[in-house]
Protein backbone atom coordinates (compact mmCIF):
# COMPACT_ATOMS: atom_id res chain seq x y z
CA MET A 1 21.45 -2.09 -14.88
CA LEU A 2 17.79 -1.25 -15.31
CA ALA A 3 16.86 -4.05 -12.93
CA GLY A 4 16.57 -3.27 -9.30
CA SER A 5 15.12 -5.29 -6.46
CA ALA A 6 14.73 -8.99 -6.95
CA GLY A 7 11.65 -10.63 -5.50
CA ASP A 8 8.89 -13.08 -6.25
CA ARG A 9 5.18 -12.63 -6.43
CA GLY A 10 3.14 -14.02 -3.55
CA GLY A 11 3.13 -17.77 -3.48
CA ALA A 12 5.95 -18.30 -5.97
CA GLY A 13 8.64 -18.56 -3.32
CA THR A 14 6.70 -21.00 -1.12
CA ALA A 15 5.49 -23.26 -3.95
CA GLU A 16 8.79 -25.15 -3.98
CA GLY A 17 8.01 -26.50 -0.50
CA MET A 18 5.08 -28.39 -2.02
CA VAL A 19 7.48 -30.98 -3.44
CA LEU A 20 8.22 -32.43 0.00
CA ALA A 21 4.54 -32.88 0.84
CA LEU A 22 3.82 -34.40 -2.56
CA LEU A 23 6.73 -36.81 -2.28
CA LEU A 24 5.53 -37.86 1.16
CA GLY A 25 2.11 -38.52 -0.35
CA VAL A 26 3.66 -40.68 -3.09
CA ALA A 27 5.59 -42.67 -0.47
CA LEU A 28 2.49 -43.26 1.65
CA LEU A 29 0.40 -44.24 -1.37
CA GLY A 30 3.19 -46.45 -2.75
CA PRO A 31 1.50 -49.81 -2.06
CA LEU A 32 -1.75 -48.62 -3.64
CA ILE A 33 0.17 -47.29 -6.64
CA GLY A 34 1.92 -50.65 -6.90
CA ARG A 35 -1.40 -52.54 -6.97
CA VAL A 36 -2.91 -50.24 -9.58
CA ALA A 37 0.19 -50.35 -11.78
CA GLY A 38 0.37 -54.13 -11.49
CA VAL A 39 -3.16 -54.46 -12.86
CA ALA A 40 -3.25 -51.53 -15.29
CA ILE A 41 0.18 -52.08 -16.84
CA GLY A 42 1.19 -55.59 -15.86
CA GLY A 43 -2.03 -57.15 -17.17
CA PRO A 44 -1.67 -55.96 -20.80
CA VAL A 45 2.07 -56.74 -20.78
CA GLY A 46 1.35 -60.29 -19.57
CA ARG A 47 -1.15 -60.86 -22.38
CA LEU A 48 1.08 -59.41 -25.08
CA PHE A 49 4.21 -61.27 -24.02
CA PRO A 50 3.13 -64.69 -22.76
CA VAL A 51 6.39 -65.74 -21.05
CA ALA A 52 8.54 -62.84 -19.83
CA GLY A 53 5.61 -60.42 -19.75
CA PHE A 54 3.43 -62.89 -17.83
CA LEU A 55 6.16 -63.52 -15.26
CA ALA A 56 6.74 -59.77 -14.82
CA SER A 57 3.01 -59.14 -14.46
CA ALA A 58 2.64 -61.88 -11.87
CA ALA A 59 5.62 -60.57 -9.90
CA LEU A 60 4.25 -57.02 -9.89
CA ARG A 61 0.81 -58.09 -8.69
CA SER A 62 2.09 -60.40 -5.96
CA GLN A 63 4.92 -58.18 -4.72
CA TYR A 64 3.38 -54.73 -5.02
CA ARG A 65 5.12 -53.50 -1.86
CA ARG A 66 8.50 -54.32 -3.37
CA PHE A 67 7.43 -52.51 -6.52
CA ALA A 68 6.44 -49.45 -4.48
CA ALA A 69 9.78 -49.51 -2.65
CA ALA A 70 11.62 -49.47 -5.99
CA VAL A 71 9.43 -46.72 -7.47
CA THR A 72 9.66 -44.26 -4.55
CA PRO A 73 13.40 -43.33 -4.78
CA LEU A 74 13.12 -42.89 -8.54
CA VAL A 75 10.12 -40.60 -8.10
CA LEU A 76 12.09 -38.63 -5.50
CA ALA A 77 15.07 -38.28 -7.81
CA VAL A 78 13.00 -37.13 -10.80
CA ALA A 79 10.67 -34.83 -8.86
CA PHE A 80 13.28 -33.22 -6.63
CA THR A 81 15.85 -32.77 -9.40
CA GLY A 82 13.25 -31.46 -11.84
CA THR A 83 11.79 -29.02 -9.32
CA MET A 84 15.12 -27.62 -8.16
CA LEU A 85 16.35 -27.35 -11.74
CA PHE A 86 13.30 -25.83 -13.41
CA VAL A 87 11.83 -23.52 -10.75
CA PRO A 88 14.74 -21.08 -11.32
CA VAL A 89 14.20 -21.46 -15.07
CA VAL A 90 10.51 -20.55 -14.79
CA LYS A 91 11.35 -17.60 -12.54
CA ALA A 92 14.07 -16.38 -14.91
CA GLN A 93 11.74 -16.65 -17.91
CA ALA A 94 9.06 -14.68 -16.05
CA GLN A 95 11.55 -12.01 -15.02
CA LEU A 96 12.93 -11.63 -18.53
CA ALA A 97 9.41 -11.48 -19.98
CA GLU A 98 8.40 -8.78 -17.50
CA ASP A 99 11.60 -6.85 -18.22
CA GLY A 100 10.78 -7.07 -21.91
CA ARG A 101 7.23 -5.76 -21.43
CA ARG A 102 8.40 -2.96 -19.19
CA LEU A 103 11.31 -1.67 -21.28
CA LEU A 104 10.29 0.47 -24.27
CA ALA A 105 13.69 1.98 -25.10
CA ASP A 106 15.57 1.13 -28.30
CA GLN A 107 19.00 1.72 -26.79
CA VAL A 108 20.29 1.19 -23.26
CA VAL A 109 23.42 3.10 -22.29
CA GLN A 110 25.15 1.65 -19.25
CA ALA A 111 28.05 3.17 -17.37
CA ASP A 112 31.46 1.61 -16.87
CA GLY A 113 32.53 2.95 -13.51
CA VAL A 114 30.82 5.52 -11.32
CA GLY A 115 28.01 6.52 -13.68
CA LEU A 116 26.89 8.96 -16.37
CA PRO A 117 26.52 12.67 -15.51
CA PRO A 118 23.33 14.66 -16.25
CA GLU A 119 25.17 16.39 -19.11
CA PHE A 120 25.24 13.09 -20.99
CA VAL A 121 21.45 13.05 -21.16
CA GLY A 122 21.51 16.55 -22.66
CA ALA A 123 24.11 15.48 -25.23
CA VAL A 124 22.03 12.48 -26.29
CA ARG A 125 18.95 14.68 -26.62
CA GLN A 126 20.76 16.72 -29.26
CA LEU A 127 21.28 13.71 -31.53
CA PRO A 128 19.01 13.43 -34.58
CA GLY A 129 16.08 11.02 -34.42
CA ILE A 130 15.72 11.05 -30.62
CA ALA A 131 12.15 10.77 -29.30
CA ALA A 132 12.95 10.45 -25.59
CA VAL A 133 15.93 10.03 -23.32
CA GLY A 134 16.01 9.65 -19.55
CA ALA A 135 18.36 8.64 -16.77
CA MET A 136 17.59 6.03 -14.15
CA VAL A 137 19.32 7.24 -10.99
CA PRO A 138 19.11 4.79 -8.08
CA GLY A 139 18.23 5.98 -4.61
CA GLU A 140 17.32 4.47 -1.27
CA VAL A 141 14.51 6.00 0.76
CA VAL A 142 12.16 4.99 3.55
CA VAL A 143 8.48 5.52 2.80
CA SER A 144 5.86 5.52 5.56
CA GLY A 145 2.10 5.96 5.43
CA ARG A 146 0.00 7.71 8.01
CA ALA A 147 1.53 9.12 11.19
CA GLY A 148 2.66 6.39 13.53
CA SER A 149 2.61 3.63 10.90
CA PRO A 150 5.87 1.77 10.23
CA GLY A 151 7.89 2.73 7.20
CA THR A 152 9.22 0.46 4.49
CA TRP A 153 12.57 0.62 2.77
CA ALA A 154 12.23 1.37 -0.93
CA ASP A 155 14.71 0.85 -3.75
CA ALA A 156 13.79 3.97 -5.70
CA ARG A 157 14.55 5.36 -9.14
CA ILE A 158 14.87 9.10 -9.70
CA VAL A 159 13.43 9.81 -13.14
CA ASP A 160 12.39 12.56 -15.53
CA PRO A 161 8.58 12.28 -15.63
CA GLN A 162 8.31 13.99 -19.02
CA SER A 163 10.06 11.17 -20.87
CA LEU A 164 9.32 8.29 -18.53
CA GLU A 165 6.23 6.86 -20.26
CA GLN A 166 8.04 6.68 -23.59
CA LEU A 167 10.92 4.71 -22.08
CA VAL A 168 9.31 2.28 -19.65
CA ASP A 169 5.89 0.80 -19.07
CA PRO A 170 5.78 -0.17 -15.38
CA GLY A 171 2.23 -1.45 -15.67
CA VAL A 172 0.32 1.35 -13.96
CA SER A 173 -2.80 -0.12 -12.37
CA ALA A 174 -4.00 2.98 -10.50
CA GLY A 175 -3.44 6.68 -11.04
CA SER A 176 -1.25 8.04 -13.82
CA LEU A 177 2.41 8.80 -14.40
CA HIS A 178 1.26 12.17 -15.77
CA GLU A 179 0.61 13.12 -12.14
CA LEU A 180 4.20 12.30 -11.18
CA ARG A 181 5.39 15.87 -10.79
CA GLY A 182 6.34 18.12 -7.92
CA GLU A 183 6.29 16.47 -4.50
CA SER A 184 4.82 13.14 -5.57
CA VAL A 185 5.78 9.51 -5.79
CA ALA A 186 4.72 6.42 -7.76
CA LEU A 187 4.79 3.21 -5.75
CA GLY A 188 5.25 -0.37 -6.80
CA ARG A 189 2.47 -2.75 -5.88
CA ARG A 190 4.43 -4.49 -3.14
CA ALA A 191 5.48 -1.25 -1.44
CA PHE A 192 1.99 0.24 -1.76
CA GLU A 193 0.37 -2.78 -0.10
CA LYS A 194 2.75 -2.52 2.87
CA LEU A 195 1.78 1.10 3.56
CA ASP A 196 -1.30 2.46 5.29
CA THR A 197 -2.18 4.81 2.43
CA ARG A 198 -4.29 5.19 -0.70
CA LEU A 199 -4.02 6.60 -4.19
CA GLY A 200 -3.88 10.39 -3.87
CA GLY A 201 -2.97 10.05 -0.20
CA THR A 202 0.12 11.46 1.45
CA VAL A 203 3.18 9.47 2.46
CA ARG A 204 6.36 10.48 4.24
CA VAL A 205 9.64 10.06 2.32
CA GLU A 206 12.79 9.90 4.44
CA TRP A 207 15.88 10.77 2.42
CA GLN A 208 19.45 9.62 2.91
CA ASP A 209 20.49 13.14 3.93
CA GLY A 210 18.43 12.76 7.09
CA THR A 211 15.51 14.96 6.03
CA SER A 212 11.97 13.93 5.23
CA SER A 213 9.27 15.21 2.89
CA ALA A 214 5.57 14.70 2.35
CA ALA A 215 4.66 13.26 -1.06
CA THR A 216 1.40 12.50 -2.84
CA VAL A 217 0.87 9.00 -4.22
CA ALA A 218 0.41 9.73 -7.91
CA ALA A 219 0.33 6.18 -9.28
CA VAL A 220 0.64 2.51 -8.40
CA TYR A 221 2.35 0.13 -10.82
CA ASP A 222 2.59 -3.68 -10.92
CA ARG A 223 5.86 -4.35 -12.76
CA ASP A 224 8.06 -3.49 -9.80
CA VAL A 225 10.01 -6.74 -9.48
CA ARG A 226 13.62 -6.23 -10.61
CA PHE A 227 12.83 -2.58 -11.31
CA ALA A 228 12.01 -0.21 -8.45
CA ASP A 229 9.80 0.02 -5.39
CA ALA A 230 9.25 3.75 -5.94
CA LEU A 231 9.65 6.34 -8.70
CA LEU A 232 10.57 9.89 -7.68
CA PRO A 233 10.59 12.99 -9.93
CA ALA A 234 14.07 14.41 -10.43
CA GLU A 235 12.98 17.90 -9.39
CA PHE A 236 11.60 16.55 -6.12
CA ALA A 237 14.72 14.53 -5.27
CA ALA A 238 17.27 17.16 -6.40
CA ALA A 239 17.44 18.94 -3.03
CA HIS A 240 18.00 15.69 -1.12
CA THR A 241 20.42 13.67 -3.26
CA ARG A 242 24.00 14.62 -4.03
CA ASP A 243 24.86 11.77 -6.36
CA ARG A 244 23.18 12.47 -9.71
CA LEU A 245 25.27 9.96 -11.67
CA ALA A 246 23.17 7.44 -13.54
CA PRO A 247 24.29 3.85 -14.11
CA THR A 248 21.67 3.56 -16.87
CA VAL A 249 20.31 5.95 -19.49
CA LEU A 250 17.43 4.87 -21.72
CA VAL A 251 17.05 6.14 -25.28
CA ARG A 252 14.12 5.82 -27.66
CA SER A 253 14.24 6.83 -31.30
CA GLU A 254 11.55 8.53 -33.32
CA PRO A 255 9.38 6.35 -35.60
CA GLY A 256 11.20 5.75 -38.86
CA ALA A 257 14.58 6.83 -37.52
CA ASP A 258 17.65 4.95 -38.73
CA PRO A 259 18.82 2.63 -35.90
CA GLY A 260 22.32 2.55 -37.31
CA GLN A 261 22.54 6.35 -37.30
CA LEU A 262 21.38 6.45 -33.69
CA ALA A 263 23.90 3.80 -32.63
CA GLU A 264 26.68 5.67 -34.45
CA GLY A 265 25.72 8.91 -32.73
CA LEU A 266 25.88 7.26 -29.31
CA ARG A 267 29.26 5.75 -30.13
CA ARG A 268 30.62 9.20 -31.10
CA LEU A 269 29.60 10.52 -27.69
CA ARG A 270 32.06 8.15 -26.08
CA ALA A 271 34.83 10.55 -27.06
CA ASP A 272 33.51 12.95 -24.41
CA TYR A 273 31.96 10.31 -22.15
CA PRO A 274 34.27 7.27 -22.29
CA MET A 275 32.36 5.56 -19.48
CA ALA A 276 29.25 5.24 -21.69
CA ARG A 277 28.56 1.77 -23.07
CA PRO A 278 25.57 1.86 -25.47
CA THR A 279 23.85 -1.35 -26.55
CA ASP A 280 20.79 -1.90 -28.69
CA ARG A 281 17.73 -3.64 -27.35
CA ALA A 282 18.59 -7.05 -28.78
CA ALA A 283 22.10 -7.02 -27.30
CA TYR A 284 20.75 -5.80 -23.96
CA ASP A 285 18.19 -8.62 -23.79
CA ALA A 286 20.86 -11.18 -24.71
CA GLU A 287 23.10 -9.90 -21.94
CA ARG A 288 20.25 -10.14 -19.46
CA ARG A 289 19.69 -13.79 -20.43
CA ARG A 290 23.40 -14.52 -20.06
CA GLN A 291 23.45 -12.98 -16.60
CA GLN A 292 20.42 -15.05 -15.60
CA GLU A 293 22.19 -18.22 -16.70
CA SER A 294 25.37 -17.24 -14.84
CA ALA A 295 23.38 -16.52 -11.69
CA THR A 296 21.99 -20.07 -11.67
CA ALA A 297 25.34 -21.78 -12.42
CA VAL A 298 26.20 -22.29 -8.74
CA GLY A 299 22.72 -23.66 -8.11
CA ARG A 300 23.15 -26.16 -10.94
CA LEU A 301 26.46 -27.29 -9.47
CA LEU A 302 24.86 -27.85 -6.09
CA LEU A 303 21.98 -29.62 -7.77
CA GLY A 304 24.47 -31.94 -9.46
CA VAL A 305 25.87 -32.97 -6.08
CA ILE A 306 22.35 -33.57 -4.73
CA GLY A 307 21.47 -35.52 -7.87
CA LEU A 308 24.54 -37.72 -7.37
CA PHE A 309 23.42 -38.63 -3.87
CA ALA A 310 19.89 -39.29 -5.16
CA ALA A 311 21.34 -41.57 -7.84
CA ILE A 312 23.27 -43.52 -5.17
CA VAL A 313 20.06 -44.01 -3.19
CA VAL A 314 18.24 -45.22 -6.32
CA VAL A 315 21.01 -47.67 -7.23
CA ASN A 316 21.24 -49.06 -3.70
CA THR A 317 17.49 -49.57 -3.49
CA LEU A 318 17.24 -51.30 -6.87
CA VAL A 319 20.29 -53.49 -6.22
CA MET A 320 18.95 -54.62 -2.85
CA SER A 321 15.52 -55.27 -4.36
CA THR A 322 17.03 -57.47 -7.08
CA VAL A 323 19.50 -59.32 -4.85
CA GLU A 324 16.67 -60.31 -2.49
CA ARG A 325 15.13 -62.26 -5.39
CA LEU A 326 17.99 -64.74 -5.86
CA ARG A 327 15.85 -67.66 -4.63
CA GLU A 328 12.96 -66.56 -6.87
CA PHE A 329 15.23 -66.50 -9.93
CA ALA A 330 16.74 -69.85 -8.99
CA LEU A 331 13.31 -71.47 -8.62
CA LEU A 332 12.18 -70.17 -12.01
CA ARG A 333 15.30 -71.57 -13.66
CA LEU A 334 14.89 -74.95 -11.95
CA VAL A 335 11.27 -75.32 -13.16
CA GLY A 336 12.24 -74.66 -16.77
CA ALA A 337 12.65 -70.93 -17.39
CA THR A 338 15.77 -70.01 -19.34
CA ASP A 339 18.22 -67.34 -18.23
CA ARG A 340 17.11 -65.17 -21.14
CA GLN A 341 13.45 -65.43 -20.13
CA VAL A 342 14.25 -64.51 -16.53
CA LEU A 343 16.37 -61.58 -17.70
CA ARG A 344 13.55 -60.39 -19.97
CA MET A 345 11.18 -60.62 -17.02
CA VAL A 346 13.56 -58.44 -15.01
CA ALA A 347 13.77 -56.00 -17.94
CA TRP A 348 9.97 -55.73 -18.14
CA GLU A 349 9.71 -55.16 -14.40
CA GLY A 350 12.45 -52.53 -14.56
CA GLY A 351 10.82 -50.82 -17.53
CA ILE A 352 7.41 -50.69 -15.84
CA THR A 353 9.01 -49.44 -12.61
CA VAL A 354 10.86 -46.67 -14.43
CA ALA A 355 7.82 -45.70 -16.51
CA VAL A 356 5.61 -45.35 -13.45
CA ALA A 357 8.34 -43.44 -11.59
CA LEU A 358 8.85 -41.02 -14.49
CA VAL A 359 5.13 -40.32 -14.75
CA LEU A 360 4.77 -39.74 -11.00
CA GLY A 361 7.96 -37.73 -10.75
CA ALA A 362 6.96 -35.52 -13.68
CA ALA A 363 3.50 -35.06 -12.14
CA VAL A 364 4.98 -33.99 -8.80
CA ALA A 365 7.36 -31.55 -10.50
CA ALA A 366 4.52 -30.15 -12.61
CA ALA A 367 2.38 -29.70 -9.50
CA VAL A 368 5.11 -27.39 -8.19
CA LEU A 369 6.11 -25.65 -11.42
CA ILE A 370 2.58 -24.79 -12.57
CA PRO A 371 1.71 -22.75 -9.43
CA VAL A 372 5.04 -20.93 -9.76
CA SER A 373 4.24 -20.13 -13.40
CA LEU A 374 0.72 -19.01 -12.49
CA ALA A 375 2.03 -16.76 -9.72
CA LEU A 376 4.68 -15.14 -11.91
CA THR A 377 3.15 -15.08 -15.38
CA GLY A 378 -0.57 -15.75 -14.93
CA THR A 379 -0.42 -18.78 -17.22
CA ALA A 380 -0.02 -22.49 -16.52
CA ALA A 381 1.81 -23.12 -19.80
CA LEU A 382 5.40 -24.18 -19.18
CA SER A 383 8.22 -23.56 -21.63
CA LEU A 384 11.07 -25.70 -20.37
CA PRO A 385 14.37 -26.33 -22.21
CA THR A 386 14.19 -29.70 -23.91
CA GLY A 387 17.83 -30.60 -23.23
CA PRO A 388 17.64 -30.52 -19.40
CA VAL A 389 14.18 -32.15 -19.45
CA ALA A 390 15.52 -35.01 -21.58
CA ALA A 391 18.58 -35.27 -19.33
CA VAL A 392 16.47 -35.63 -16.17
CA LEU A 393 13.99 -38.13 -17.61
CA GLY A 394 16.51 -40.01 -19.74
CA GLY A 395 19.07 -40.15 -16.94
CA ALA A 396 16.53 -41.59 -14.53
CA ALA A 397 15.38 -44.15 -17.13
CA VAL A 398 18.91 -45.30 -17.97
CA LEU A 399 19.87 -45.41 -14.29
CA GLY A 400 16.80 -47.44 -13.30
CA VAL A 401 16.70 -49.96 -16.15
CA GLY A 402 20.47 -50.25 -16.35
CA THR A 403 20.84 -50.99 -12.65
CA VAL A 404 18.10 -53.64 -12.69
CA LEU A 405 19.48 -55.36 -15.80
CA LEU A 406 23.08 -55.35 -14.59
CA THR A 407 22.15 -56.66 -11.16
CA GLY A 408 19.85 -59.28 -12.68
CA ARG A 409 22.56 -60.48 -15.07
CA LEU A 410 25.03 -60.82 -12.21
CA ALA A 411 22.44 -62.69 -10.13
CA LEU A 412 21.89 -65.21 -12.94
CA ARG A 413 25.57 -66.16 -12.93
CA ARG A 414 25.03 -68.00 -9.68
CA ASP A 415 24.17 -71.71 -9.78
CA PRO A 416 20.39 -72.03 -9.18
CA VAL A 417 20.74 -74.97 -6.77
CA GLU A 418 23.31 -73.07 -4.74
CA ALA A 419 21.17 -69.89 -4.79
CA LEU A 420 18.05 -71.77 -3.74
CA GLY A 421 19.75 -73.15 -0.66
CA ALA A 422 21.70 -69.98 0.18
CA ARG A 423 19.17 -68.78 2.82
CA ASP A 424 19.18 -72.09 4.58
CA GLN A 425 22.94 -72.25 4.98
C-alpha cells in the first residue's frame, strides 16, 4: 500500500471530546430552552390550531421543565450517535482526498507476498509510453536533531529521487525534492516539528542495522499523513538496508500514451513477476474507499449497540413523562375535551419536542464535525452521506413521536374518573 502512518492533524483527534461538554451545556440550559421553545414554537401552534395546538402550547409553557427533561435524552441520542458515526466519515473523506492530491501515478502495482524486486522497476521502465516509474520501499529509522536532543521514530520510504516528483506530490512547503540526493532526507511536517533542526540543517539517521549517518534536511512536506514521516534516497539507504523488496511500485505514462497498452504491458510482466498486481488509478482509489469502509465496520457495530442503549433511555424518559400526566389527561376529558383532541395535543407536544431535539442535536454534532473538517481539510463544508443522516434524524423522530403517541393512546384507555383519583388511593 502507498499509505503509511495513520494520524490526525492537530485538534482533529480531540474535537470529539467537545460533544460531552456541549451536551452538558444543553442539559444545564434545558429549562431555558424549554421556556424559549414554549413561546417561540408553542405560541404560533396555539394560534393556528385553536384546540389541540392551544392545549399543547399551554402545556409547554407551564411545564417547561418537563419539556426540557424530554428533550435532553433525544438531543443526547442524536448528537452522540451523529458525532460517533460521522467523525470517522469526515476523517476518511479527508484522508482519501489527501491521498488523491498526493498520488500522481496512473498505475499502482502492488505485490502479493513479500514484495517486488528492483529488477521489476527496470522491466517496467522498458515498456513503451512510460514517463516515470519508482518503487516505494518501506523502512523504519530513528531521526534525531542536534546532539543530545531526543530522536523520533520515522516510518520512512526509500525512493528514487529522479522520478519521485512525477509520481507523488507530498506537498513540499519548504526546500525542494530536487535537493533529495546523496546523504539527505525529506521530512514530513509532523516529524520536522518534533526535531530540533531547520531546513538545510543536519540530522542523525539511525538505521535498523545499528549504524547511524548524518543527513541534510533537503525538504519539508505537509502531506505526510498515511504516507511517510521521511523520504530517503535509495543510494543513501542502500548500504544500510538489506530488504529492497517494494510492496508498491508507481507508474506514470507519457502524455498521450494509450492507457490500455500500458495496462496490457504490465499484465504481460506478470509472467516473470507473478507477485505483481497492477491496478489503474480508478480501481486503486475504489479499493482505498472500500478499505476505509471496512475499517469502520466494527465501529459502526459498536455504535449500534450504544445507539440501542440511547434509544432505551429515550423511550423510558418519554414513557415516564407521559404516564405522569394521567391526572392531567383525565381532567381535560372530564371538562369536555375528547380523546381525539387530547391525543392530538400529545402529538403536537411530541412533534415540538422532537423538532427541538433534532435541531439541538444536529447543532451539537455540527459543532464537533466542523472543527474536525477544518483541521483536516481546511474547509467547514461537510459532505455527509444522506442515507445515514436520514437514518439518524428519521430514527430519532419516529422513536420520539411514536413513543409519545403510543403511551398517550394507552393512557387514554383508562377511565378518567378512576385516573383522576388514582393518586389519592
